Amino acid sequence: MTTLSNLPSIFVPLVGLVFPAIAMVSLSLHVQKNKIF
C-alpha cells in the first residue's frame, strides 16, 4: 500500500515536467517543418 500511496507524489511532477517538454518539442518540430515565418 505504501507504493500505491506514494505513486501520485512521483507521477504528478513527472507528468507536469514531461508533458510540457513533449508539447514544446512537437511544436518546434511543427514550426520547423512548415516554415511559416
PDB file of N, CA and C in Angstrom:
ATOM      1  N   MET A   1       0.831  -1.216   0.000  1.00  0.00           N
ATOM      2  CA  MET A   1       0.000   0.000   0.000  1.00  0.00           C
ATOM      3  C   MET A   1       0.864   1.265   0.000  1.00  0.00           C
ATOM      4  N   THR A   2       2.066   1.179   0.507  1.00  0.00           N
ATOM      5  CA  THR A   2       2.902   2.384   0.557  1.00  0.00           C
ATOM      6  C   THR A   2       3.289   2.822  -0.852  1.00  0.00           C
ATOM      7  N   THR A   3       3.529   1.855  -1.741  1.00  0.00           N
ATOM      8  CA  THR A   3       3.886   2.227  -3.108  1.00  0.00           C
ATOM      9  C   THR A   3       2.692   2.862  -3.815  1.00  0.00           C
ATOM     10  N   LEU A   4       1.490   2.376  -3.538  1.00  0.00           N
ATOM     11  CA  LEU A   4       0.298   2.959  -4.155  1.00  0.00           C
ATOM     12  C   LEU A   4       0.034   4.365  -3.628  1.00  0.00           C
ATOM     13  N   SER A   5       0.325   4.605  -2.350  1.00  0.00           N
ATOM     14  CA  SER A   5       0.082   5.932  -1.789  1.00  0.00           C
ATOM     15  C   SER A   5       1.182   6.910  -2.207  1.00  0.00           C
ATOM     16  N   ASN A   6       2.382   6.393  -2.504  1.00  0.00           N
ATOM     17  CA  ASN A   6       3.479   7.260  -2.924  1.00  0.00           C
ATOM     18  C   ASN A   6       3.499   7.476  -4.432  1.00  0.00           C
ATOM     19  N   LEU A   7       2.725   6.696  -5.169  1.00  0.00           N
ATOM     20  CA  LEU A   7       2.747   6.789  -6.624  1.00  0.00           C
ATOM     21  C   LEU A   7       2.300   8.158  -7.136  1.00  0.00           C
ATOM     22  N   PRO A   8       1.207   8.742  -6.640  1.00  0.00           N
ATOM     23  CA  PRO A   8       0.814  10.059  -7.161  1.00  0.00           C
ATOM     24  C   PRO A   8       1.855  11.140  -6.894  1.00  0.00           C
ATOM     25  N   SER A   9       2.551  11.090  -5.774  1.00  0.00           N
ATOM     26  CA  SER A   9       3.543  12.115  -5.453  1.00  0.00           C
ATOM     27  C   SER A   9       4.731  12.056  -6.408  1.00  0.00           C
ATOM     28  N   ILE A  10       4.954  10.910  -7.039  1.00  0.00           N
ATOM     29  CA  ILE A  10       6.018  10.781  -8.038  1.00  0.00           C
ATOM     30  C   ILE A  10       5.455  11.025  -9.436  1.00  0.00           C
ATOM     31  N   PHE A  11       4.232  10.568  -9.667  1.00  0.00           N
ATOM     32  CA  PHE A  11       3.657  10.590 -11.016  1.00  0.00           C
ATOM     33  C   PHE A  11       3.225  11.990 -11.431  1.00  0.00           C
ATOM     34  N   VAL A  12       2.717  12.779 -10.482  1.00  0.00           N
ATOM     35  CA  VAL A  12       2.206  14.111 -10.824  1.00  0.00           C
ATOM     36  C   VAL A  12       3.321  15.062 -11.273  1.00  0.00           C
ATOM     37  N   PRO A  13       4.440  15.199 -10.550  1.00  0.00           N
ATOM     38  CA  PRO A  13       5.509  16.072 -11.052  1.00  0.00           C
ATOM     39  C   PRO A  13       6.127  15.546 -12.342  1.00  0.00           C
ATOM     40  N   LEU A  14       6.167  14.232 -12.503  1.00  0.00           N
ATOM     41  CA  LEU A  14       6.736  13.654 -13.721  1.00  0.00           C
ATOM     42  C   LEU A  14       5.903  14.053 -14.932  1.00  0.00           C
ATOM     43  N   VAL A  15       4.584  13.935 -14.808  1.00  0.00           N
ATOM     44  CA  VAL A  15       3.691  14.343 -15.900  1.00  0.00           C
ATOM     45  C   VAL A  15       3.784  15.856 -16.109  1.00  0.00           C
ATOM     46  N   GLY A  16       3.889  16.599 -15.010  1.00  0.00           N
ATOM     47  CA  GLY A  16       3.968  18.054 -15.101  1.00  0.00           C
ATOM     48  C   GLY A  16       5.229  18.533 -15.792  1.00  0.00           C
ATOM     49  N   LEU A  17       6.291  17.725 -15.766  1.00  0.00           N
ATOM     50  CA  LEU A  17       7.529  18.105 -16.442  1.00  0.00           C
ATOM     51  C   LEU A  17       7.626  17.504 -17.835  1.00  0.00           C
ATOM     52  N   VAL A  18       7.177  16.259 -17.990  1.00  0.00           N
ATOM     53  CA  VAL A  18       7.344  15.567 -19.269  1.00  0.00           C
ATOM     54  C   VAL A  18       6.350  16.080 -20.305  1.00  0.00           C
ATOM     55  N   PHE A  19       5.118  16.326 -19.913  1.00  0.00           N
ATOM     56  CA  PHE A  19       4.095  16.731 -20.887  1.00  0.00           C
ATOM     57  C   PHE A  19       4.398  18.079 -21.546  1.00  0.00           C
ATOM     58  N   PRO A  20       4.797  19.128 -20.787  1.00  0.00           N
ATOM     59  CA  PRO A  20       5.169  20.384 -21.462  1.00  0.00           C
ATOM     60  C   PRO A  20       6.406  20.231 -22.338  1.00  0.00           C
ATOM     61  N   ALA A  21       7.334  19.358 -21.945  1.00  0.00           N
ATOM     62  CA  ALA A  21       8.534  19.149 -22.764  1.00  0.00           C
ATOM     63  C   ALA A  21       8.159  18.528 -24.104  1.00  0.00           C
ATOM     64  N   ILE A  22       7.273  17.531 -24.082  1.00  0.00           N
ATOM     65  CA  ILE A  22       6.825  16.899 -25.326  1.00  0.00           C
ATOM     66  C   ILE A  22       6.045  17.907 -26.172  1.00  0.00           C
ATOM     67  N   ALA A  23       5.239  18.732 -25.533  1.00  0.00           N
ATOM     68  CA  ALA A  23       4.466  19.733 -26.271  1.00  0.00           C
ATOM     69  C   ALA A  23       5.393  20.755 -26.932  1.00  0.00           C
ATOM     70  N   MET A  24       6.428  21.187 -26.229  1.00  0.00           N
ATOM     71  CA  MET A  24       7.368  22.152 -26.790  1.00  0.00           C
ATOM     72  C   MET A  24       8.136  21.561 -27.963  1.00  0.00           C
ATOM     73  N   VAL A  25       8.580  20.296 -27.815  1.00  0.00           N
ATOM     74  CA  VAL A  25       9.343  19.651 -28.889  1.00  0.00           C
ATOM     75  C   VAL A  25       8.471  19.457 -30.120  1.00  0.00           C
ATOM     76  N   SER A  26       7.249  18.996 -29.925  1.00  0.00           N
ATOM     77  CA  SER A  26       6.359  18.775 -31.071  1.00  0.00           C
ATOM     78  C   SER A  26       6.012  20.105 -31.740  1.00  0.00           C
ATOM     79  N   LEU A  27       5.837  21.160 -30.949  1.00  0.00           N
ATOM     80  CA  LEU A  27       5.524  22.468 -31.519  1.00  0.00           C
ATOM     81  C   LEU A  27       6.707  23.012 -32.317  1.00  0.00           C
ATOM     82  N   SER A  28       7.919  22.866 -31.801  1.00  0.00           N
ATOM     83  CA  SER A  28       9.098  23.359 -32.518  1.00  0.00           C
ATOM     84  C   SER A  28       9.318  22.570 -33.806  1.00  0.00           C
ATOM     85  N   LEU A  29       9.097  21.244 -33.757  1.00  0.00           N
ATOM     86  CA  LEU A  29       9.225  20.442 -34.973  1.00  0.00           C
ATOM     87  C   LEU A  29       8.162  20.838 -35.987  1.00  0.00           C
ATOM     88  N   HIS A  30       6.963  21.133 -35.530  1.00  0.00           N
ATOM     89  CA  HIS A  30       5.875  21.530 -36.424  1.00  0.00           C
ATOM     90  C   HIS A  30       6.202  22.858 -37.105  1.00  0.00           C
ATOM     91  N   VAL A  31       6.786  23.791 -36.345  1.00  0.00           N
ATOM     92  CA  VAL A  31       7.135  25.095 -36.912  1.00  0.00           C
ATOM     93  C   VAL A  31       8.295  24.949 -37.896  1.00  0.00           C
ATOM     94  N   GLN A  32       9.289  24.120 -37.565  1.00  0.00           N
ATOM     95  CA  GLN A  32      10.427  23.936 -38.462  1.00  0.00           C
ATOM     96  C   GLN A  32      10.001  23.239 -39.751  1.00  0.00           C
ATOM     97  N   LYS A  33       9.035  22.331 -39.645  1.00  0.00           N
ATOM     98  CA  LYS A  33       8.604  21.594 -40.836  1.00  0.00           C
ATOM     99  C   LYS A  33       7.835  22.501 -41.792  1.00  0.00           C
ATOM    100  N   ASN A  34       6.997  23.395 -41.247  1.00  0.00           N
ATOM    101  CA  ASN A  34       6.138  24.212 -42.108  1.00  0.00           C
ATOM    102  C   ASN A  34       6.815  25.509 -42.556  1.00  0.00           C
ATOM    103  N   LYS A  35       7.755  26.024 -41.753  1.00  0.00           N
ATOM    104  CA  LYS A  35       8.435  27.283 -42.080  1.00  0.00           C
ATOM    105  C   LYS A  35       7.422  28.388 -42.365  1.00  0.00           C
ATOM    106  N   ILE A  36       6.570  28.656 -41.384  1.00  0.00           N
ATOM    107  CA  ILE A  36       5.526  29.667 -41.554  1.00  0.00           C
ATOM    108  C   ILE A  36       6.156  31.066 -41.621  1.00  0.00           C
ATOM    109  N   PHE A  37       7.164  31.296 -40.806  1.00  0.00           N
ATOM    110  CA  PHE A  37       7.750  32.626 -40.727  1.00  0.00           C
ATOM    111  C   PHE A  37       8.692  32.874 -41.904  1.00  0.00           C
TER     112      PHE A  37
END
